[in-house]
Amino acid sequence: MIVVLAVLGAVVYFVGLPMYRDMLPSDEHVDLHEYLGVSGSGGSEADEAFLLFGESVSSARPLVRDGVVYWDEGSVSRHFIDNFWLSMDEGLLLLTTADEVVRAEAGALFYTRHAEAAPADGVESVEVHTDAPVFFIEGGRAYISLDYAKLFSNFEYKLFQNPYRVQIYATDGVYEAAEVVRNTALRAEADIKSGVVSELGIGDVVYVLGRAEGWSKVRTRDVLIGYVESRRLSEGFDLEVNVFGDYVPPPYTSLTEDGRICLAWHQVTVADANAFLEDVIEDAWPLDVVSPTWYSVVDEMGGMKSIASQSYVERAHARGLKVWPLVDDFTSGLDRTALLMSTEARNNFVSYMIGQAKEIGFDGINLDFELVPQEAGGGYEQLVRELSVACRAHGLVFSIDNYPPRPHTEHYNRGLQGQVADYVIIMGYDEHWGSSSGAGSVASLPFVVDAIEQTLAVVPANKVINAVPFYTRIWNTQRDGTVSASAVGQRSQADWIARRGLEPIWSEELGQHYTQIDENNRLYQVWLEDEASMRTRIEAMEGYGLGGVAAWRLGLEVPAIWDILGGYVRE
């Protein structure tokens, strides 16, 4: 009997107990820092935090410093606020809305509202003090306080400790939830032997992320994710989450006209040329706006060259014309990246142009930056924002010139322009411009239509102006294949063809006449810009609901062109 009992005891000890232990659930807790993939102990200078954005785990870890949650600038911009401008070199974070620039310095316990270069008359900057830095730079990255971001966006967040966990809701939503009906463990895997993440008690509510084979993947209200046996949960029910916030962004008001406008550029290269305004507009009866080429940026600190004339503005106004002078970036050797990426330089530029508007009395600003490097695209966008705030504050019409959309000009961000500017002008010409492009039309009909349609994909139609050419190019191809071209106005084009007795032929596909001649062992080709091509182009523009038409440039056109343009803008 003793022997039998001993054998049975051995069997129980060596076989039964291990089997029993295998059936028991594990009570070993996981290391939450390791499980969540965050560093820190909850008390260091800047600990990482696990983040749930809605029900999605974010790989971009926030930092918690002195109990304040900071998230990297890229994540904040992507999820909440897309009009931040960050300069790591300057240690500056700018937020530009429709009516102000808000400025914060890295590590500072304040931010400045109405920090724009040219605020509205009577508006003064206001310094707002904070208990914690608005943002700081660490490890080559900028981190923005979520409390600060909440001042300019509507979202909810909550911080949990040991280790730090953050739950963010950016939109209202309805989530599947369940109630715990029996005390249980939240486990790292769908296995009773898996480590315990947290203990759950009767009545606890969890959000259900999925169900499969007797287990439910859930998240707790204190931002832990794991698995629970489904039999320990109630049936699912909907739980609504509402995001409360009272931030309403100021609207982007505009001075866009209700009807179509007609604008033409007046190329003024020396101050004395301002005297010829009346000559170049003599036949331009439908003209609404004249844009003299008065201003150029001359250095990377925003220094300017001007040949502006107050008398010119007064004479234009006397004829019922508005004046939107053009400002360009054509100065040879100009460091455009340094110019656009410098807050001080942009401020100098904006302040100067607004000061000129007050002094000279013009009605708008036409921005014609055509040489912006891709690496300075962010700085260009910020200049557009800042200049729009200033123009809006001072009642100036803000228009921006653009090449026809192409991949290499995407950094001009026409979508942003369509939001903040009054008019986005397509320079609908220079389809072919020199030896590198090869001989061809300046502005064929398919080229123009494509540019309009691509622009309309991101800009409201009533803000889009299509610019047409008053010139063409006479192409010269030598026997060795060398190609060159000379630009000529419509009047000179007609004289050149008449002197040679040529009879141009019509191209239905291109929407213009074409002619060529062999002369002095060279092939001369001309794609004509005349009344017929202009009429076809204007007819194509009719169906798009555009804000008007512009033309480069005054003095090159034949008088009959104005009747065609007038029929478009005055119908």
Protein backbone atom coordinates (compact mmCIF):
# COMPACT_ATOMS: atom_id res chain seq x y z
CA MET A 1 0.00 0.00 0.00
CA ILE A 2 2.82 2.31 0.90
CA VAL A 3 4.53 1.53 -2.36
CA VAL A 4 1.33 2.20 -4.34
CA LEU A 5 0.77 5.50 -2.58
CA ALA A 6 4.35 6.50 -3.20
CA VAL A 7 4.00 5.71 -6.89
CA LEU A 8 0.74 7.65 -7.09
CA GLY A 9 2.31 10.58 -5.29
CA ALA A 10 5.21 10.58 -7.69
CA VAL A 11 2.84 10.52 -10.65
CA VAL A 12 0.86 13.42 -9.24
CA TYR A 13 4.00 15.41 -8.44
CA PHE A 14 5.86 14.78 -11.64
CA VAL A 15 2.94 14.56 -14.08
CA GLY A 16 -0.21 15.99 -12.55
CA LEU A 17 1.19 19.15 -11.06
CA PRO A 18 2.92 20.26 -14.30
CA MET A 19 -0.28 19.53 -16.21
CA TYR A 20 -2.22 21.56 -13.65
CA ARG A 21 0.26 24.39 -13.83
CA ASP A 22 -0.07 24.37 -17.63
CA MET A 23 -3.79 24.91 -17.22
CA LEU A 24 -3.37 27.84 -14.83
CA PRO A 25 -3.20 31.38 -16.31
CA SER A 26 0.03 33.31 -15.89
CA ASP A 27 0.10 36.00 -13.24
CA GLU A 28 3.43 37.46 -14.34
CA HIS A 29 3.20 41.15 -15.30
CA VAL A 30 4.97 42.57 -18.31
CA ASP A 31 7.37 45.50 -18.10
CA LEU A 32 5.13 48.28 -19.44
CA HIS A 33 8.02 50.42 -20.69
CA GLU A 34 9.30 47.50 -22.75
CA TYR A 35 5.79 46.45 -23.78
CA LEU A 36 4.84 49.93 -24.96
CA GLY A 37 8.25 50.63 -26.46
CA VAL A 38 8.91 53.83 -24.53
CA SER A 39 11.94 55.00 -22.61
CA GLY A 40 12.13 56.81 -19.30
CA SER A 41 10.88 56.19 -15.83
CA GLY A 42 8.19 58.82 -15.55
CA GLY A 43 10.37 61.31 -13.77
CA SER A 44 13.22 62.27 -16.09
CA GLU A 45 13.66 65.59 -17.90
CA ALA A 46 11.82 64.47 -21.05
CA ASP A 47 10.37 60.97 -21.11
CA GLU A 48 8.83 59.29 -24.12
CA ALA A 49 5.11 58.62 -24.11
CA PHE A 50 3.09 55.94 -25.82
CA LEU A 51 0.44 57.54 -28.05
CA LEU A 52 -2.94 56.42 -29.31
CA PHE A 53 -4.40 58.67 -31.98
CA GLY A 54 -8.01 57.57 -31.97
CA GLU A 55 -7.48 53.82 -32.20
CA SER A 56 -4.18 54.01 -34.08
CA VAL A 57 -0.84 53.56 -32.38
CA SER A 58 1.49 56.35 -33.41
CA SER A 59 5.13 55.61 -34.11
CA ALA A 60 5.94 59.27 -33.45
CA ARG A 61 6.46 59.33 -29.70
CA PRO A 62 5.55 62.49 -27.79
CA LEU A 63 7.80 63.69 -25.00
CA VAL A 64 6.63 64.66 -21.53
CA ARG A 65 8.58 67.36 -19.77
CA ASP A 66 7.52 68.60 -16.33
CA GLY A 67 4.08 67.10 -16.89
CA VAL A 68 3.57 68.88 -20.24
CA VAL A 69 3.07 66.85 -23.41
CA TYR A 70 5.12 67.85 -26.47
CA TRP A 71 4.82 66.30 -29.91
CA ASP A 72 7.20 66.76 -32.81
CA GLU A 73 6.39 69.63 -35.16
CA GLY A 74 5.88 67.36 -38.16
CA SER A 75 3.20 65.34 -36.39
CA VAL A 76 1.42 68.42 -35.03
CA SER A 77 1.43 70.02 -38.48
CA ARG A 78 0.23 66.85 -40.16
CA HIS A 79 -2.63 66.19 -37.75
CA PHE A 80 -3.76 69.57 -36.46
CA ILE A 81 -2.22 72.73 -37.87
CA ASP A 82 -0.77 72.97 -41.37
CA ASN A 83 0.26 76.65 -41.24
CA PHE A 84 3.23 76.42 -38.89
CA TRP A 85 6.59 77.69 -40.08
CA LEU A 86 9.57 76.25 -38.21
CA SER A 87 13.09 77.61 -38.51
CA MET A 88 15.56 75.43 -36.63
CA ASP A 89 18.40 77.84 -37.41
CA GLU A 90 16.51 80.82 -36.00
CA GLY A 91 14.87 78.87 -33.19
CA LEU A 92 11.49 80.23 -34.28
CA LEU A 93 8.03 78.78 -34.64
CA LEU A 94 5.55 80.94 -36.55
CA LEU A 95 1.85 80.31 -36.93
CA THR A 96 0.27 82.35 -39.71
CA THR A 97 -3.50 82.62 -39.90
CA ALA A 98 -5.63 84.75 -42.18
CA ASP A 99 -5.14 87.84 -40.04
CA GLU A 100 -2.04 87.46 -37.86
CA VAL A 101 1.37 85.90 -37.31
CA VAL A 102 1.96 84.26 -33.92
CA ARG A 103 5.64 83.96 -33.01
CA ALA A 104 7.31 81.70 -30.44
CA GLU A 105 10.99 81.28 -29.62
CA ALA A 106 12.50 77.94 -28.62
CA GLY A 107 12.46 77.46 -24.87
CA ALA A 108 10.80 80.82 -24.16
CA LEU A 109 7.94 81.14 -21.67
CA PHE A 110 5.88 83.42 -23.92
CA TYR A 111 4.59 83.84 -27.45
CA THR A 112 3.73 86.98 -29.40
CA ARG A 113 0.46 87.55 -31.22
CA HIS A 114 0.24 90.02 -34.10
CA ALA A 115 3.95 89.60 -34.75
CA GLU A 116 3.52 90.20 -38.49
CA ALA A 117 5.75 92.67 -40.31
CA ALA A 118 2.93 95.06 -41.22
CA PRO A 119 -0.09 94.72 -38.93
CA ALA A 120 -3.34 96.55 -39.59
CA ASP A 121 -3.49 100.15 -38.51
CA GLY A 122 -4.15 100.31 -34.77
CA VAL A 123 -3.13 96.68 -34.17
CA GLU A 124 -0.26 96.14 -31.74
CA SER A 125 1.66 92.99 -30.89
CA VAL A 126 0.70 91.23 -27.66
CA GLU A 127 3.10 89.12 -25.56
CA VAL A 128 1.37 86.17 -23.90
CA HIS A 129 3.22 84.45 -21.04
CA THR A 130 3.04 80.70 -20.44
CA ASP A 131 3.88 78.31 -17.60
CA ALA A 132 5.92 76.05 -19.88
CA PRO A 133 7.82 76.60 -23.13
CA VAL A 134 5.66 76.70 -26.25
CA PHE A 135 8.25 74.53 -27.99
CA PHE A 136 11.78 73.31 -27.55
CA ILE A 137 14.44 71.73 -29.74
CA GLU A 138 16.02 68.43 -28.69
CA GLY A 139 18.04 65.92 -30.65
CA GLY A 140 17.67 67.93 -33.85
CA ARG A 141 13.86 67.95 -33.64
CA ALA A 142 11.35 70.55 -32.53
CA TYR A 143 8.61 69.59 -30.09
CA ILE A 144 5.44 71.67 -29.69
CA SER A 145 3.31 71.77 -26.56
CA LEU A 146 -0.08 70.17 -27.16
CA ASP A 147 -1.58 72.81 -24.88
CA TYR A 148 -0.26 75.47 -27.28
CA ALA A 149 -1.49 73.58 -30.33
CA LYS A 150 -4.96 73.39 -28.76
CA LEU A 151 -5.15 77.19 -28.86
CA PHE A 152 -5.30 76.99 -32.65
CA SER A 153 -7.01 73.65 -33.29
CA ASN A 154 -9.80 71.55 -31.84
CA PHE A 155 -8.77 68.18 -30.42
CA GLU A 156 -8.82 66.39 -27.08
CA TYR A 157 -5.97 64.65 -25.30
CA LYS A 158 -5.34 63.02 -21.92
CA LEU A 159 -2.09 62.03 -20.24
CA PHE A 160 -1.61 58.90 -18.09
CA GLN A 161 1.49 58.07 -16.07
CA ASN A 162 3.81 55.21 -15.14
CA PRO A 163 4.75 55.00 -17.91
CA TYR A 164 3.49 58.03 -19.81
CA ARG A 165 0.63 57.33 -22.19
CA VAL A 166 -1.35 59.82 -24.26
CA GLN A 167 -4.77 59.44 -25.86
CA ILE A 168 -5.72 61.94 -28.58
CA TYR A 169 -9.08 62.39 -30.28
CA ALA A 170 -9.10 64.80 -33.22
CA THR A 171 -12.62 64.09 -34.49
CA ASP A 172 -15.93 62.95 -33.09
CA GLY A 173 -16.43 59.21 -33.39
CA VAL A 174 -18.44 56.18 -32.36
CA TYR A 175 -16.44 53.24 -31.05
CA GLU A 176 -17.42 49.68 -30.14
CA ALA A 177 -17.13 49.13 -26.40
CA ALA A 178 -17.84 46.35 -23.89
CA GLU A 179 -18.07 46.01 -20.12
CA VAL A 180 -15.98 43.61 -18.08
CA VAL A 181 -18.37 41.12 -16.43
CA ARG A 182 -15.79 39.07 -14.47
CA ASN A 183 -12.49 40.12 -12.98
CA THR A 184 -9.80 39.28 -15.50
CA ALA A 185 -6.41 40.19 -16.86
CA LEU A 186 -5.51 42.20 -19.93
CA ARG A 187 -2.82 40.11 -21.60
CA ALA A 188 -0.08 40.89 -24.06
CA GLU A 189 -1.15 38.02 -26.37
CA ALA A 190 -4.31 35.97 -26.87
CA ASP A 191 -3.06 33.26 -24.50
CA ILE A 192 -3.64 32.69 -20.79
CA LYS A 193 0.10 32.10 -20.43
CA SER A 194 0.88 35.50 -21.87
CA GLY A 195 2.06 38.24 -19.55
CA VAL A 196 -0.41 40.48 -17.74
CA VAL A 197 -0.60 44.07 -19.00
CA SER A 198 -3.22 45.24 -16.53
CA GLU A 199 -5.86 43.91 -14.14
CA LEU A 200 -9.48 44.58 -15.15
CA GLY A 201 -12.37 44.63 -12.71
CA ILE A 202 -16.08 44.12 -13.04
CA GLY A 203 -17.70 47.19 -14.58
CA ASP A 204 -14.59 48.44 -16.35
CA VAL A 205 -15.31 49.61 -19.89
CA VAL A 206 -12.96 48.74 -22.72
CA TYR A 207 -12.95 49.57 -26.42
CA VAL A 208 -13.11 46.50 -28.65
CA LEU A 209 -10.62 46.46 -31.50
CA GLY A 210 -11.38 42.96 -32.77
CA ARG A 211 -12.64 39.50 -31.83
CA ALA A 212 -11.32 36.06 -32.81
CA GLU A 213 -11.34 32.49 -31.41
CA GLY A 214 -12.53 33.24 -27.90
CA TRP A 215 -10.40 36.35 -27.41
CA SER A 216 -11.04 40.07 -27.90
CA LYS A 217 -8.39 42.64 -28.63
CA VAL A 218 -9.23 45.71 -26.56
CA ARG A 219 -7.88 49.03 -25.38
CA THR A 220 -8.52 50.41 -21.97
CA ARG A 221 -9.50 53.94 -21.16
CA ASP A 222 -6.03 54.52 -19.73
CA VAL A 223 -4.42 53.66 -23.08
CA LEU A 224 -3.32 50.06 -22.74
CA ILE A 225 -3.88 47.54 -25.52
CA GLY A 226 -4.07 43.79 -25.07
CA TYR A 227 -6.27 40.70 -25.13
CA VAL A 228 -9.15 39.55 -22.93
CA GLU A 229 -11.10 36.33 -23.03
CA SER A 230 -14.33 37.21 -24.81
CA ARG A 231 -16.43 35.30 -22.24
CA ARG A 232 -15.41 37.86 -19.64
CA LEU A 233 -16.90 40.74 -21.63
CA SER A 234 -20.46 41.86 -22.20
CA GLU A 235 -21.96 42.18 -25.64
CA GLY A 236 -20.64 45.15 -27.55
CA PHE A 237 -22.29 48.54 -27.53
CA ASP A 238 -21.56 51.89 -29.16
CA LEU A 239 -19.69 54.51 -27.18
CA GLU A 240 -19.62 58.03 -28.58
CA VAL A 241 -16.58 60.27 -28.21
CA ASN A 242 -17.04 63.99 -28.78
CA VAL A 243 -14.25 66.47 -29.35
CA PHE A 244 -15.01 69.80 -27.76
CA GLY A 245 -13.30 73.02 -28.75
CA ASP A 246 -14.19 76.59 -29.48
CA TYR A 247 -11.38 77.55 -31.84
CA VAL A 248 -12.71 78.98 -35.10
CA PRO A 249 -9.98 79.94 -37.56
CA PRO A 250 -10.37 83.45 -39.00
CA PRO A 251 -11.73 83.31 -42.54
CA TYR A 252 -9.58 84.01 -45.57
CA THR A 253 -11.52 86.96 -46.90
CA SER A 254 -10.58 88.13 -50.38
CA LEU A 255 -10.93 91.10 -52.70
CA THR A 256 -11.75 88.92 -55.68
CA GLU A 257 -14.16 90.66 -58.05
CA ASP A 258 -17.58 89.22 -58.83
CA GLY A 259 -16.99 89.49 -62.58
CA ARG A 260 -14.04 88.95 -64.87
CA ILE A 261 -11.18 91.40 -64.89
CA CYS A 262 -8.66 92.36 -67.53
CA LEU A 263 -5.08 92.95 -66.43
CA ALA A 264 -2.02 93.81 -68.49
CA TRP A 265 1.60 94.17 -67.50
CA HIS A 266 3.49 97.33 -68.42
CA GLN A 267 7.18 96.60 -68.74
CA VAL A 268 8.95 99.53 -67.12
CA THR A 269 12.72 99.13 -66.97
CA VAL A 270 13.72 102.74 -66.24
CA ALA A 271 11.90 105.44 -64.31
CA ASP A 272 11.46 107.62 -67.42
CA ALA A 273 9.29 104.90 -69.01
CA ASN A 274 6.55 105.70 -66.50
CA ALA A 275 5.74 108.72 -68.65
CA PHE A 276 4.46 106.44 -71.44
CA LEU A 277 1.48 104.99 -69.55
CA GLU A 278 -1.07 106.84 -71.67
CA ASP A 279 0.61 105.68 -74.89
CA VAL A 280 0.49 101.97 -74.05
CA ILE A 281 -3.13 102.00 -72.83
CA GLU A 282 -4.53 104.16 -75.61
CA ASP A 283 -6.40 101.30 -77.30
CA ALA A 284 -6.90 99.15 -74.20
CA TRP A 285 -10.53 100.03 -73.60
CA PRO A 286 -11.47 96.92 -71.52
CA LEU A 287 -8.44 97.19 -69.23
CA ASP A 288 -9.19 97.14 -65.48
CA VAL A 289 -5.74 96.74 -63.96
CA VAL A 290 -2.28 97.81 -65.07
CA SER A 291 0.76 96.14 -63.50
CA PRO A 292 3.99 98.09 -63.99
CA THR A 293 7.21 96.16 -63.41
CA TRP A 294 8.52 98.48 -60.71
CA TYR A 295 10.08 96.38 -57.98
CA SER A 296 12.94 93.90 -57.70
CA VAL A 297 14.48 92.17 -54.69
CA VAL A 298 18.20 92.92 -54.82
CA ASP A 299 19.70 91.07 -51.83
CA GLU A 300 19.06 88.20 -49.45
CA MET A 301 17.99 90.53 -46.63
CA GLY A 302 15.00 91.78 -48.59
CA GLY A 303 16.60 94.93 -49.94
CA MET A 304 14.59 96.39 -52.82
CA LYS A 305 15.03 98.36 -56.02
CA SER A 306 12.16 100.60 -57.09
CA ILE A 307 11.24 102.76 -60.06
CA ALA A 308 7.74 103.44 -58.76
CA SER A 309 5.90 106.66 -59.54
CA GLN A 310 3.09 108.25 -57.56
CA SER A 311 2.19 110.34 -60.61
CA TYR A 312 1.76 107.10 -62.60
CA VAL A 313 -0.73 105.81 -60.04
CA GLU A 314 -2.66 109.07 -60.03
CA ARG A 315 -2.87 109.13 -63.83
CA ALA A 316 -4.00 105.49 -63.94
CA HIS A 317 -6.65 106.16 -61.32
CA ALA A 318 -7.86 109.16 -63.32
CA ARG A 319 -8.52 106.76 -66.20
CA GLY A 320 -10.39 104.32 -63.96
CA LEU A 321 -7.53 101.82 -63.76
CA LYS A 322 -6.25 100.06 -60.66
CA VAL A 323 -2.51 99.60 -60.23
CA TRP A 324 -0.96 96.35 -58.97
CA PRO A 325 2.80 96.77 -59.40
CA LEU A 326 4.86 93.67 -60.06
CA VAL A 327 7.73 92.65 -57.78
CA ASP A 328 10.25 90.11 -59.10
CA ASP A 329 13.24 88.03 -58.02
CA PHE A 330 15.23 88.38 -61.23
CA THR A 331 18.37 90.03 -59.76
CA SER A 332 21.45 88.16 -60.90
CA GLY A 333 23.32 86.46 -58.06
CA LEU A 334 20.43 86.83 -55.60
CA ASP A 335 20.56 84.15 -52.89
CA ARG A 336 16.86 83.26 -53.03
CA THR A 337 17.13 80.48 -50.48
CA ALA A 338 18.70 82.79 -47.90
CA LEU A 339 16.06 85.42 -48.67
CA LEU A 340 13.05 83.15 -48.30
CA MET A 341 14.27 81.10 -45.36
CA SER A 342 15.05 84.18 -43.24
CA THR A 343 12.22 85.58 -41.13
CA GLU A 344 13.99 88.93 -40.90
CA ALA A 345 14.42 89.13 -44.70
CA ARG A 346 10.79 88.24 -45.35
CA ASN A 347 9.70 90.84 -42.82
CA ASN A 348 11.88 93.46 -44.51
CA PHE A 349 10.31 92.62 -47.85
CA VAL A 350 6.71 92.74 -46.57
CA SER A 351 7.26 95.94 -44.58
CA TYR A 352 8.81 97.65 -47.58
CA MET A 353 6.00 96.72 -49.97
CA ILE A 354 3.27 97.79 -47.55
CA GLY A 355 5.12 101.03 -46.91
CA GLN A 356 5.29 101.63 -50.66
CA ALA A 357 1.56 101.02 -51.01
CA LYS A 358 0.87 103.67 -48.39
CA GLU A 359 3.32 106.13 -49.92
CA ILE A 360 2.67 105.59 -53.63
CA GLY A 361 -1.03 104.77 -53.34
CA PHE A 362 -1.29 101.65 -55.50
CA ASP A 363 -4.13 99.13 -55.10
CA GLY A 364 -2.48 95.72 -55.02
CA ILE A 365 0.72 93.71 -55.22
CA ASN A 366 1.61 91.28 -57.98
CA LEU A 367 4.20 88.76 -56.77
CA ASP A 368 6.31 87.43 -59.64
CA PHE A 369 8.95 85.16 -58.11
CA GLU A 370 9.94 82.84 -60.96
CA LEU A 371 13.27 81.46 -59.74
CA VAL A 372 12.44 79.89 -56.37
CA PRO A 373 14.69 76.87 -55.64
CA GLN A 374 12.90 73.74 -54.50
CA GLU A 375 14.80 73.73 -51.23
CA ALA A 376 13.31 77.17 -50.49
CA GLY A 377 9.74 76.10 -51.21
CA GLY A 378 8.75 76.25 -47.54
CA GLY A 379 10.12 79.78 -47.24
CA TYR A 380 8.22 80.84 -50.35
CA GLU A 381 5.00 79.43 -48.90
CA GLN A 382 5.63 81.38 -45.69
CA LEU A 383 6.26 84.59 -47.62
CA VAL A 384 2.97 84.07 -49.46
CA ARG A 385 1.17 83.61 -46.12
CA GLU A 386 2.81 86.64 -44.51
CA LEU A 387 2.27 88.89 -47.50
CA SER A 388 -1.37 87.82 -47.68
CA VAL A 389 -1.91 88.83 -44.04
CA ALA A 390 -0.41 92.24 -44.71
CA CYS A 391 -2.38 92.79 -47.93
CA ARG A 392 -5.61 91.74 -46.23
CA ALA A 393 -4.94 94.09 -43.32
CA HIS A 394 -4.36 97.05 -45.63
CA GLY A 395 -7.00 96.39 -48.27
CA LEU A 396 -4.56 95.49 -51.06
CA VAL A 397 -5.35 92.95 -53.77
CA PHE A 398 -2.77 90.17 -53.70
CA SER A 399 -2.05 88.32 -56.95
CA ILE A 400 0.64 85.74 -57.69
CA ASP A 401 2.14 84.78 -61.05
CA ASN A 402 2.79 81.11 -61.80
CA TYR A 403 4.22 78.97 -64.52
CA PRO A 404 1.82 76.40 -65.98
CA PRO A 405 1.81 73.48 -63.50
CA ARG A 406 4.66 71.04 -63.92
CA PRO A 407 6.29 68.60 -61.45
CA HIS A 408 9.33 70.85 -61.01
CA THR A 409 7.12 73.78 -59.92
CA GLU A 410 4.97 71.95 -57.35
CA HIS A 411 6.87 73.68 -54.53
CA TYR A 412 5.06 76.91 -55.48
CA ASN A 413 2.00 75.29 -53.83
CA ARG A 414 -0.83 76.69 -55.93
CA GLY A 415 -3.33 75.17 -53.53
CA LEU A 416 -2.04 77.39 -50.74
CA GLN A 417 -2.03 80.37 -53.10
CA GLY A 418 -5.66 79.72 -53.94
CA GLN A 419 -6.50 79.82 -50.25
CA VAL A 420 -4.64 82.95 -49.17
CA ALA A 421 -4.32 85.12 -52.30
CA ASP A 422 -6.98 87.01 -54.22
CA TYR A 423 -5.82 85.90 -57.67
CA VAL A 424 -3.60 83.11 -58.99
CA ILE A 425 -2.34 84.06 -62.44
CA ILE A 426 -1.24 81.43 -64.94
CA MET A 427 1.53 82.67 -67.21
CA GLY A 428 0.02 80.75 -70.09
CA TYR A 429 2.92 81.11 -72.48
CA ASP A 430 6.56 80.16 -73.11
CA GLU A 431 5.59 76.61 -74.01
CA HIS A 432 8.70 76.83 -76.19
CA TRP A 433 11.22 79.50 -75.29
CA GLY A 434 14.69 78.73 -76.63
CA SER A 435 17.21 76.23 -77.88
CA SER A 436 16.68 73.86 -74.93
CA SER A 437 12.93 73.62 -75.58
CA GLY A 438 13.25 73.42 -79.37
CA ALA A 439 11.20 75.33 -81.91
CA GLY A 440 7.47 75.46 -81.31
CA SER A 441 4.46 77.48 -80.28
CA VAL A 442 4.60 80.03 -77.50
CA ALA A 443 1.14 79.01 -76.32
CA SER A 444 -0.66 76.30 -78.27
CA LEU A 445 -4.30 75.64 -77.41
CA PRO A 446 -3.68 72.21 -75.76
CA PHE A 447 -0.90 73.75 -73.64
CA VAL A 448 -3.19 76.54 -72.42
CA VAL A 449 -6.14 74.25 -71.68
CA ASP A 450 -3.94 71.81 -69.76
CA ALA A 451 -2.51 74.62 -67.61
CA ILE A 452 -5.97 75.93 -66.79
CA GLU A 453 -7.39 72.53 -65.91
CA GLN A 454 -4.44 71.59 -63.70
CA THR A 455 -4.65 74.90 -61.86
CA LEU A 456 -8.41 74.58 -61.38
CA ALA A 457 -7.82 71.25 -59.66
CA VAL A 458 -6.42 73.14 -56.64
CA VAL A 459 -7.55 76.79 -57.01
CA PRO A 460 -11.12 78.17 -57.03
CA ALA A 461 -12.07 79.16 -60.58
CA ASN A 462 -13.03 82.74 -59.71
CA LYS A 463 -9.49 83.32 -58.42
CA VAL A 464 -7.76 82.02 -61.55
CA ILE A 465 -6.63 84.44 -64.25
CA ASN A 466 -5.14 83.08 -67.44
CA ALA A 467 -2.45 85.30 -68.98
CA VAL A 468 -2.13 85.40 -72.76
CA PRO A 469 0.86 86.48 -74.89
CA PHE A 470 0.97 89.57 -77.06
CA TYR A 471 4.14 88.17 -78.63
CA THR A 472 5.50 85.16 -80.47
CA ARG A 473 8.94 83.91 -81.46
CA ILE A 474 10.56 83.71 -84.85
CA TRP A 475 12.57 80.49 -84.84
CA ASN A 476 15.84 80.20 -86.69
CA THR A 477 17.25 76.72 -87.36
CA GLN A 478 20.65 76.56 -89.04
CA ARG A 479 21.78 73.70 -91.26
CA ASP A 480 23.81 72.21 -88.43
CA GLY A 481 20.66 72.03 -86.29
CA THR A 482 21.45 74.99 -84.05
CA VAL A 483 18.21 76.61 -82.90
CA SER A 484 17.68 80.17 -81.76
CA ALA A 485 14.70 82.48 -81.49
CA SER A 486 13.82 86.13 -81.27
CA ALA A 487 10.69 87.37 -79.50
CA VAL A 488 8.53 89.78 -81.48
CA GLY A 489 5.25 91.52 -80.77
CA GLN A 490 2.11 90.98 -82.79
CA ARG A 491 2.76 94.11 -84.85
CA SER A 492 6.33 93.10 -85.72
CA GLN A 493 5.17 89.57 -86.48
CA ALA A 494 2.68 90.85 -89.06
CA ASP A 495 5.33 93.07 -90.69
CA TRP A 496 7.82 90.17 -90.89
CA ILE A 497 5.31 87.92 -92.62
CA ALA A 498 4.09 90.64 -95.00
CA ARG A 499 7.62 91.52 -96.13
CA ARG A 500 8.13 87.90 -97.18
CA GLY A 501 4.76 87.45 -98.78
CA LEU A 502 3.98 84.39 -96.66
CA GLU A 503 0.51 82.86 -96.34
CA PRO A 504 0.18 81.13 -92.95
CA ILE A 505 -1.86 77.95 -92.66
CA TRP A 506 -4.28 77.18 -89.84
CA SER A 507 -3.67 74.35 -87.39
CA GLU A 508 -6.91 73.17 -85.80
CA GLU A 509 -4.98 71.11 -83.29
CA LEU A 510 -2.80 73.99 -82.07
CA GLY A 511 -5.46 76.67 -82.49
CA GLN A 512 -3.18 79.04 -84.42
CA HIS A 513 -1.62 79.84 -87.76
CA TYR A 514 1.80 78.58 -88.78
CA THR A 515 4.26 79.59 -91.46
CA GLN A 516 7.87 78.95 -92.43
CA ILE A 517 10.46 79.97 -95.00
CA ASP A 518 13.96 78.89 -96.05
CA GLU A 519 16.13 81.98 -96.21
CA ASN A 520 19.90 82.38 -96.26
CA ASN A 521 20.40 78.63 -95.68
CA ARG A 522 18.25 78.79 -92.56
CA LEU A 523 14.74 77.59 -91.72
CA TYR A 524 12.56 80.27 -90.19
CA GLN A 525 9.37 79.16 -88.42
CA VAL A 526 6.57 81.15 -86.80
CA TRP A 527 3.59 79.98 -84.80
CA LEU A 528 1.49 83.11 -84.99
CA GLU A 529 -0.10 84.99 -82.13
CA ASP A 530 -2.86 86.92 -83.88
CA GLU A 531 -6.58 87.65 -83.66
CA ALA A 532 -7.46 84.10 -84.73
CA SER A 533 -5.32 82.38 -82.07
CA MET A 534 -6.51 84.82 -79.42
CA ARG A 535 -10.16 84.27 -80.31
CA THR A 536 -9.75 80.49 -80.16
CA ARG A 537 -7.97 80.71 -76.81
CA ILE A 538 -10.62 83.00 -75.32
CA GLU A 539 -13.39 80.72 -76.57
CA ALA A 540 -11.68 77.81 -74.79
CA MET A 541 -11.48 79.85 -71.56
CA GLU A 542 -15.20 80.66 -71.63
CA GLY A 543 -16.42 77.45 -70.03
CA TYR A 544 -14.18 77.46 -66.97
CA GLY A 545 -15.63 80.35 -64.95
CA LEU A 546 -12.25 82.05 -64.60
CA GLY A 547 -11.69 85.32 -62.77
CA GLY A 548 -10.38 87.03 -65.87
CA VAL A 549 -7.56 87.42 -68.36
CA ALA A 550 -4.11 89.01 -68.21
CA ALA A 551 -1.66 89.86 -70.97
CA TRP A 552 2.10 90.20 -71.39
CA ARG A 553 2.75 92.88 -72.35
CA LEU A 554 1.35 96.33 -73.23
CA GLY A 555 2.71 97.79 -76.45
CA LEU A 556 3.21 94.53 -78.33
CA GLU A 557 -0.42 93.97 -79.35
CA VAL A 558 -2.42 94.94 -82.40
CA PRO A 559 -5.45 97.14 -81.53
CA ALA A 560 -7.98 94.53 -82.67
CA ILE A 561 -6.92 92.23 -79.81
CA TRP A 562 -8.64 94.48 -77.29
CA ASP A 563 -12.04 93.88 -78.84
CA ILE A 564 -11.53 90.12 -78.34
CA LEU A 565 -10.46 90.55 -74.73
CA GLY A 566 -13.22 93.07 -74.15
CA GLY A 567 -15.82 90.65 -75.43
CA TYR A 568 -14.62 88.15 -72.82
CA VAL A 569 -14.51 90.39 -69.75
CA ARG A 570 -17.48 92.64 -70.59
CA GLU A 571 -20.01 90.06 -71.78
